[in-house]
């Protein structure tokens, strides 16, 4: 049942999302895959009008999505060193974007429910290159095409036949998917290039076991009572246990803290600033969570992790293979937007989690 595998991003239900209106003329030049990226390796060239060429990447999603996209962003940075690389993403991710080392500027962009933004606040000449790392459907394609980029790199879709990109495979792992897209256009990309630099901020709880009960939808939230059982067992072994939660998860964090008997010093609800959260995760003994952003952050800092999967399989969003990560999964897949914990997730027991922790190398028990 434990499979050390992979993480999640760019859900592509774009066909049912709102779309940006497509400007009928002129259509952008759409680059065919397998073209080389040699044009992008020149050093800091300027356009004929004296401006720096710009590359726009669309990935207006969440923390886990951004971290799963880091290998592709770094590949674009290497392929286009003379371009200003602009990432269209939620403004609150700016601290995360800054530490990837791949992006020059964040263009704030977001929409509810993982949808495609209606518009982008792009100014000046059209992008020299636009890259769709958001999805594979017409809404994201047309949002970028409306900007009239000189080149567009994107997956193919029958409703946008002018995009001559590679095919989309629904079951593909998120990191692999976007690297494959770039390789189809002659850009070398390594899905394993995902580690972040060590945070400069000191951890508020070095050496702790970090439990994070929240997730982006109720379907991915393991019951608080089970997290409390895990917390009690780890504390009985002498480990410090802390709990974290997002800005809107205060009640969830408080319930877990109360049931587990945690002191106030070990409760980090309300959404830690990214620097402190990254430091907490980087110096943790282990991170235990559902399939959500903090699991990707643990992978990015090579921190031991146990991730509870359901309704989405770890083959699409789990950690990379290796002894430092355990992905718990019974299956089958279900509705990732469900309003109750998914049945596959509920098959995971506290004993399963504790066994997975025991399997991790180097856990220190005081």
Protein backbone atom coordinates (compact mmCIF):
# COMPACT_ATOMS: atom_id res chain seq x y z
CA UNK A 1 0.00 0.00 0.00
CA UNK A 2 2.88 2.39 0.54
CA UNK A 3 4.21 3.68 -2.72
CA UNK A 4 6.98 6.31 -2.76
CA UNK A 5 5.84 8.07 -5.90
CA UNK A 6 4.81 11.59 -7.05
CA UNK A 7 2.86 15.17 -6.56
CA UNK A 8 -0.12 17.23 -8.20
CA UNK A 9 -0.80 20.37 -10.30
CA UNK A 10 -2.62 21.88 -13.28
CA UNK A 11 -5.93 20.04 -13.13
CA UNK A 12 -7.30 20.24 -16.63
CA UNK A 13 -11.03 20.57 -16.63
CA UNK A 14 -10.65 23.67 -18.74
CA UNK A 15 -13.37 22.64 -21.12
CA UNK A 16 -15.93 23.38 -18.40
CA UNK A 17 -14.27 26.60 -17.19
CA UNK A 18 -14.96 30.11 -18.33
CA UNK A 19 -12.85 31.08 -21.32
CA UNK A 20 -11.27 34.32 -22.41
CA UNK A 21 -12.58 35.73 -25.65
CA UNK A 22 -10.30 34.98 -28.57
CA UNK A 23 -9.17 37.90 -30.70
CA UNK A 24 -9.73 36.80 -34.29
CA UNK A 25 -6.77 38.66 -35.81
CA UNK A 26 -3.93 38.31 -36.10
CA UNK A 27 -3.31 34.74 -34.93
CA UNK A 28 0.00 34.07 -33.20
CA UNK A 29 2.71 32.04 -34.82
CA UNK A 30 2.46 28.67 -33.08
CA UNK A 31 5.77 26.88 -32.86
CA UNK A 32 5.72 23.24 -33.90
CA UNK A 33 7.27 20.75 -31.45
CA UNK A 34 10.73 19.36 -32.04
CA UNK A 35 12.06 22.75 -33.09
CA UNK A 36 15.37 23.47 -31.41
CA UNK A 37 15.73 26.08 -28.71
CA UNK A 38 19.02 27.40 -30.09
CA UNK A 39 17.43 30.77 -30.72
CA UNK A 40 16.92 31.05 -26.97
CA UNK A 41 20.49 30.44 -25.86
CA UNK A 42 21.96 33.73 -27.01
CA UNK A 43 23.15 35.96 -24.19
CA UNK A 44 20.83 38.80 -23.17
CA UNK A 45 20.00 39.98 -26.66
CA UNK A 46 17.64 42.88 -27.15
CA UNK A 47 14.73 43.17 -29.53
CA UNK A 48 14.92 45.51 -32.54
CA UNK A 49 13.19 48.23 -30.51
CA UNK A 50 15.85 47.97 -27.80
CA UNK A 51 13.68 46.11 -25.27
CA UNK A 52 14.54 42.85 -23.55
CA UNK A 53 12.66 39.89 -25.05
CA UNK A 54 10.02 38.47 -22.71
CA UNK A 55 8.82 34.94 -22.01
CA UNK A 56 5.42 34.58 -20.34
CA UNK A 57 4.49 31.40 -18.46
CA UNK A 58 0.92 30.77 -17.33
CA UNK A 59 0.52 28.70 -14.15
CA UNK A 60 -2.12 30.51 -12.12
CA UNK A 61 -2.63 27.74 -9.57
CA UNK A 62 -1.58 26.88 -5.99
CA UNK A 63 1.56 26.17 -3.97
CA UNK A 64 1.78 22.48 -4.86
CA UNK A 65 1.19 23.28 -8.53
CA UNK A 66 3.98 25.84 -8.52
CA UNK A 67 6.43 23.46 -6.85
CA UNK A 68 5.53 20.67 -9.28
CA UNK A 69 6.23 23.12 -12.11
CA UNK A 70 9.69 24.17 -10.85
CA UNK A 71 11.60 21.69 -13.09
CA UNK A 72 9.85 23.10 -16.18
CA UNK A 73 10.42 26.70 -15.08
CA UNK A 74 14.12 26.04 -14.55
CA UNK A 75 14.36 24.39 -17.95
CA UNK A 76 12.83 27.48 -19.55
CA UNK A 77 15.26 29.70 -17.62
CA UNK A 78 18.22 27.73 -19.00
CA UNK A 79 16.81 27.67 -22.52
CA UNK A 80 16.01 31.39 -22.61
CA UNK A 81 18.72 33.14 -20.56
CA UNK A 82 18.37 36.39 -22.50
CA UNK A 83 14.63 36.72 -21.90
CA UNK A 84 12.80 38.23 -18.97
CA UNK A 85 10.84 35.27 -17.62
CA UNK A 86 7.43 36.40 -16.35
CA UNK A 87 5.21 33.97 -14.44
CA UNK A 88 1.45 34.55 -14.31
CA UNK A 89 0.52 33.14 -10.89
CA UNK A 90 -1.29 34.16 -7.68
CA UNK A 91 0.30 37.15 -5.96
CA UNK A 92 0.61 35.32 -2.63
CA UNK A 93 3.09 32.90 -4.19
CA UNK A 94 5.65 35.63 -4.84
CA UNK A 95 7.96 34.54 -1.96
CA UNK A 96 7.93 30.98 -3.30
CA UNK A 97 8.55 32.14 -6.86
CA UNK A 98 11.54 34.16 -5.68
CA UNK A 99 13.37 31.15 -4.23
CA UNK A 100 13.00 28.98 -7.34
CA UNK A 101 15.77 30.92 -9.08
CA UNK A 102 13.88 30.65 -12.36
CA UNK A 103 11.57 33.66 -12.56
CA UNK A 104 12.35 37.35 -13.05
CA UNK A 105 8.91 38.74 -12.33
CA UNK A 106 5.52 37.55 -11.10
CA UNK A 107 2.43 38.79 -12.94
CA UNK A 108 -0.49 38.43 -10.47
CA UNK A 109 -3.15 36.14 -11.92
CA UNK A 110 -5.72 33.84 -10.34
CA UNK A 111 -9.26 32.53 -10.63
CA UNK A 112 -11.53 30.58 -8.26
CA UNK A 113 -11.57 26.81 -8.30
CA UNK A 114 -8.40 26.29 -10.39
CA UNK A 115 -10.07 27.93 -13.36
CA UNK A 116 -8.26 29.94 -16.03
CA UNK A 117 -8.06 33.69 -15.31
CA UNK A 118 -10.34 35.79 -17.49
CA UNK A 119 -7.52 38.11 -18.48
CA UNK A 120 -3.88 38.95 -17.83
CA UNK A 121 -2.61 42.40 -16.94
CA UNK A 122 0.05 42.28 -19.67
CA UNK A 123 1.45 45.59 -20.92
CA UNK A 124 3.80 46.52 -23.71
CA UNK A 125 4.63 44.47 -26.79
CA UNK A 126 3.34 40.90 -27.15
CA UNK A 127 5.42 38.19 -25.45
CA UNK A 128 8.19 36.81 -27.62
CA UNK A 129 7.36 33.37 -26.19
CA UNK A 130 4.31 32.22 -24.23
CA UNK A 131 4.14 28.86 -22.45
CA UNK A 132 0.96 27.22 -21.21
CA UNK A 133 1.83 25.35 -18.00
CA UNK A 134 -1.72 25.74 -16.71
CA UNK A 135 -3.68 23.14 -18.67
CA UNK A 136 -4.36 21.83 -22.13
CA UNK A 137 -7.76 23.29 -22.98
CA UNK A 138 -8.93 26.20 -25.12
CA UNK A 139 -9.41 28.67 -22.22
CA UNK A 140 -5.72 28.78 -21.30
CA UNK A 141 -4.65 28.54 -24.94
CA UNK A 142 -6.84 31.46 -25.94
CA UNK A 143 -5.89 33.55 -22.92
CA UNK A 144 -2.30 33.43 -24.15
CA UNK A 145 -3.18 33.67 -27.84
CA UNK A 146 -5.08 36.89 -27.14
CA UNK A 147 -1.72 38.44 -26.25
CA UNK A 148 -0.46 37.57 -29.77
CA UNK A 149 2.84 35.97 -28.73
CA UNK A 150 5.38 35.35 -31.46
CA UNK A 151 5.60 31.73 -30.31
CA UNK A 152 3.30 29.60 -28.16
CA UNK A 153 4.35 26.35 -26.49
CA UNK A 154 1.36 24.27 -25.40
CA UNK A 155 -0.27 20.86 -25.51
CA UNK A 156 -2.52 20.05 -28.44
CA UNK A 157 -6.31 20.20 -28.18
CA UNK A 158 -8.86 19.50 -30.94
CA UNK A 159 -10.65 22.79 -30.27
CA UNK A 160 -7.49 24.82 -30.85
CA UNK A 161 -6.02 23.14 -33.94
CA UNK A 162 -3.62 26.05 -34.50
CA UNK A 163 -1.65 24.81 -31.45
CA UNK A 164 0.64 22.19 -32.94
CA UNK A 165 1.81 20.71 -29.65
CA UNK A 166 2.30 17.21 -28.26
CA UNK A 167 -0.63 15.14 -26.96
CA UNK A 168 -1.89 15.40 -23.38
CA UNK A 169 -1.96 12.22 -21.26
CA UNK A 170 -4.39 12.46 -18.35
CA UNK A 171 -2.66 9.83 -16.22
CA UNK A 172 0.82 11.36 -16.49
CA UNK A 173 2.64 12.62 -13.41
CA UNK A 174 2.47 16.39 -13.09
CA UNK A 175 6.23 17.04 -13.06
CA UNK A 176 6.81 14.66 -15.96
CA UNK A 177 3.99 16.19 -17.99
CA UNK A 178 5.41 19.69 -18.21
CA UNK A 179 8.94 18.51 -18.80
CA UNK A 180 7.68 16.34 -21.67
CA UNK A 181 5.93 19.37 -23.14
CA UNK A 182 9.19 21.31 -23.23
CA UNK A 183 11.19 18.39 -24.60
CA UNK A 184 8.70 18.18 -27.47
CA UNK A 185 9.86 21.70 -28.39
CA UNK A 186 13.55 20.81 -28.12
CA UNK A 187 14.08 22.12 -24.57
CA UNK A 188 15.88 19.78 -22.20
CA UNK A 189 13.98 19.43 -18.91
CA UNK A 190 14.66 17.25 -15.86
CA UNK A 191 11.67 16.35 -13.63
CA UNK A 192 14.11 15.78 -10.77
CA UNK A 193 15.29 19.39 -10.72
CA UNK A 194 12.93 20.38 -7.93
CA UNK A 195 14.92 21.13 -4.76
CA UNK A 196 14.76 24.58 -3.18
CA UNK A 197 17.63 26.29 -1.35
CA UNK A 198 17.71 26.00 2.42
CA UNK A 199 15.70 28.79 4.07
CA UNK A 200 17.60 31.57 5.80
CA UNK A 201 14.90 31.89 8.46
CA UNK A 202 15.28 29.84 11.63
CA UNK A 203 12.72 27.09 12.20
CA UNK A 204 10.15 27.83 14.92
CA UNK A 205 10.24 24.13 15.91
CA UNK A 206 13.44 22.41 14.74
CA UNK A 207 13.30 18.63 14.71
CA UNK A 208 9.53 18.42 15.13
CA UNK A 209 7.06 16.11 13.43
CA UNK A 210 4.80 18.43 11.41
CA UNK A 211 1.14 17.45 10.95
CA UNK A 212 -0.94 19.37 8.42
CA UNK A 213 -4.60 18.27 8.42
CA UNK A 214 -5.94 20.64 5.75
CA UNK A 215 -6.09 20.34 1.98
CA UNK A 216 -7.64 22.13 -0.97
CA UNK A 217 -10.90 20.17 -0.83
CA UNK A 218 -12.76 18.09 1.79
CA UNK A 219 -12.17 15.00 -0.34
CA UNK A 220 -8.44 15.16 0.49
CA UNK A 221 -8.82 15.84 4.24
CA UNK A 222 -8.11 12.83 6.47
CA UNK A 223 -10.22 12.96 9.68
CA UNK A 224 -8.88 15.13 12.49
CA UNK A 225 -9.45 12.32 15.00
CA UNK A 226 -6.98 10.12 13.14
CA UNK A 227 -4.37 12.88 13.00
CA UNK A 228 -4.83 13.25 16.76
CA UNK A 229 -4.18 9.52 17.26
CA UNK A 230 -0.97 9.82 15.22
CA UNK A 231 0.08 12.90 17.19
CA UNK A 232 -0.46 11.12 20.51
CA UNK A 233 1.56 8.10 19.40
CA UNK A 234 4.46 10.21 18.15
CA UNK A 235 4.50 12.26 21.35
CA UNK A 236 4.55 9.03 23.36
CA UNK A 237 7.74 8.16 21.47
CA UNK A 238 9.29 11.43 22.60
CA UNK A 239 8.88 13.44 19.41
CA UNK A 240 7.73 17.03 19.46
CA UNK A 241 4.59 17.32 17.33
CA UNK A 242 3.41 20.59 15.80
CA UNK A 243 0.37 21.29 13.67
CA UNK A 244 0.08 23.76 10.79
CA UNK A 245 -2.77 25.10 8.74
CA UNK A 246 -3.62 27.68 6.12
CA UNK A 247 -5.13 31.10 6.71
CA UNK A 248 -8.67 29.70 6.53
CA UNK A 249 -8.00 26.51 8.52
CA UNK A 250 -7.88 27.93 12.04
CA UNK A 251 -10.81 25.87 13.31
CA UNK A 252 -9.38 22.67 11.85
CA UNK A 253 -5.99 23.29 13.45
CA UNK A 254 -7.57 24.18 16.80
CA UNK A 255 -9.62 20.96 16.82
CA UNK A 256 -6.55 18.85 16.16
CA UNK A 257 -4.49 20.68 18.76
CA UNK A 258 -7.22 20.23 21.39
CA UNK A 259 -7.75 16.53 20.67
CA UNK A 260 -4.01 15.86 20.66
CA UNK A 261 -3.40 17.94 23.79
CA UNK A 262 -0.81 20.14 22.10
CA UNK A 263 0.47 23.26 23.87
CA UNK A 264 -0.07 26.63 22.22
CA UNK A 265 3.65 26.79 21.35
CA UNK A 266 3.17 23.83 19.00
CA UNK A 267 0.19 25.22 17.10
CA UNK A 268 0.85 27.20 13.92
CA UNK A 269 -2.54 28.03 12.52
CA UNK A 270 -3.62 30.99 10.46
CA UNK A 271 -1.08 30.50 7.71
CA UNK A 272 2.60 30.93 8.54
CA UNK A 273 4.54 33.35 6.34
CA UNK A 274 6.28 31.35 3.65
CA UNK A 275 9.77 31.87 5.07
CA UNK A 276 8.82 30.45 8.47
CA UNK A 277 6.80 27.63 6.94
CA UNK A 278 9.69 26.65 4.67
CA UNK A 279 12.09 26.72 7.64
CA UNK A 280 9.71 24.62 9.74
CA UNK A 281 9.44 22.04 6.96
CA UNK A 282 13.15 22.05 6.06
CA UNK A 283 14.17 21.31 9.67
CA UNK A 284 11.36 18.87 10.48
CA UNK A 285 11.86 15.24 11.38
CA UNK A 286 8.91 14.33 9.18
CA UNK A 287 5.93 16.01 7.51
CA UNK A 288 2.62 14.13 7.62
CA UNK A 289 -0.17 15.49 5.46
CA UNK A 290 -2.69 14.84 2.75
CA UNK A 291 -2.06 15.45 -0.93
CA UNK A 292 -1.54 19.21 -0.67
CA UNK A 293 1.06 21.98 -0.96
CA UNK A 294 3.05 21.23 2.20
CA UNK A 295 3.75 17.71 0.92
CA UNK A 296 5.39 19.25 -2.16
CA UNK A 297 7.32 21.64 0.08
CA UNK A 298 8.68 18.67 2.05
CA UNK A 299 9.86 17.12 -1.22
CA UNK A 300 11.44 20.41 -2.27
CA UNK A 301 13.49 20.46 0.95
CA UNK A 302 14.25 16.71 0.96
CA UNK A 303 12.42 16.39 4.28
CA UNK A 304 11.05 12.99 5.21
CA UNK A 305 7.36 12.81 4.46
CA UNK A 306 4.33 10.58 4.73
CA UNK A 307 1.58 11.69 2.35
CA UNK A 308 -1.96 10.31 2.51
CA UNK A 309 -3.49 9.95 -0.95
CA UNK A 310 -7.11 9.83 -1.99
CA UNK A 311 -8.97 10.45 -4.20
CA UNK A 312 -6.06 11.17 -6.60
CA UNK A 313 -3.36 8.51 -7.01
CA UNK A 314 0.29 9.25 -6.12
CA UNK A 315 1.26 8.19 -9.63
CA UNK A 316 0.03 11.64 -10.69
CA UNK A 317 0.91 13.85 -7.71
CA UNK A 318 3.12 11.89 -5.35
CA UNK A 319 6.74 12.37 -4.25
CA UNK A 320 9.61 11.10 -6.37
CA UNK A 321 10.89 7.58 -5.69
CA UNK A 322 13.28 7.36 -2.78
CA UNK A 323 13.56 6.25 0.84
CA UNK A 324 12.71 9.67 2.35
CA UNK A 325 9.09 9.70 1.21
CA UNK A 326 6.13 7.38 1.70
CA UNK A 327 2.91 7.76 -0.28
CA UNK A 328 -0.03 5.90 1.28
CA UNK A 329 -2.66 4.82 -1.22
CA UNK A 330 -5.33 2.13 -1.35
CA UNK A 331 -7.43 3.40 -4.26
CA UNK A 332 -9.55 3.51 -6.27
CA UNK A 333 -9.56 7.05 -7.59
CA UNK A 334 -12.53 9.27 -6.86
CA UNK A 335 -13.79 12.82 -7.10
CA UNK A 336 -11.03 15.30 -6.12
CA UNK A 337 -13.68 17.98 -5.54
CA UNK A 338 -15.89 15.87 -3.28
CA UNK A 339 -17.47 17.44 -0.20
CA UNK A 340 -16.50 14.56 2.14
CA UNK A 341 -13.27 12.65 2.75
CA UNK A 342 -12.79 10.25 -0.12
CA UNK A 343 -13.41 6.53 0.63
CA UNK A 344 -9.90 5.66 -0.58
CA UNK A 345 -8.43 8.17 1.87
CA UNK A 346 -10.56 6.78 4.69
CA UNK A 347 -9.07 3.33 4.14
CA UNK A 348 -5.78 4.66 5.55
CA UNK A 349 -5.51 4.09 9.30
CA UNK A 350 -3.35 5.73 11.98
CA UNK A 351 -1.41 2.46 12.24
CA UNK A 352 -0.64 2.70 8.51
CA UNK A 353 0.78 6.17 9.04
CA UNK A 354 2.86 5.14 12.06
CA UNK A 355 4.28 2.14 10.19
CA UNK A 356 5.22 4.44 7.32
CA UNK A 357 7.01 6.78 9.74
CA UNK A 358 8.91 3.79 11.14
CA UNK A 359 10.05 2.89 7.61
CA UNK A 360 11.67 6.29 7.05
CA UNK A 361 15.44 6.37 7.48
CA UNK A 362 17.03 8.42 10.21
CA UNK A 363 14.04 9.33 12.38
CA UNK A 364 15.51 10.39 15.73
CA UNK A 365 13.61 9.42 18.87
CA UNK A 366 14.77 11.33 21.95
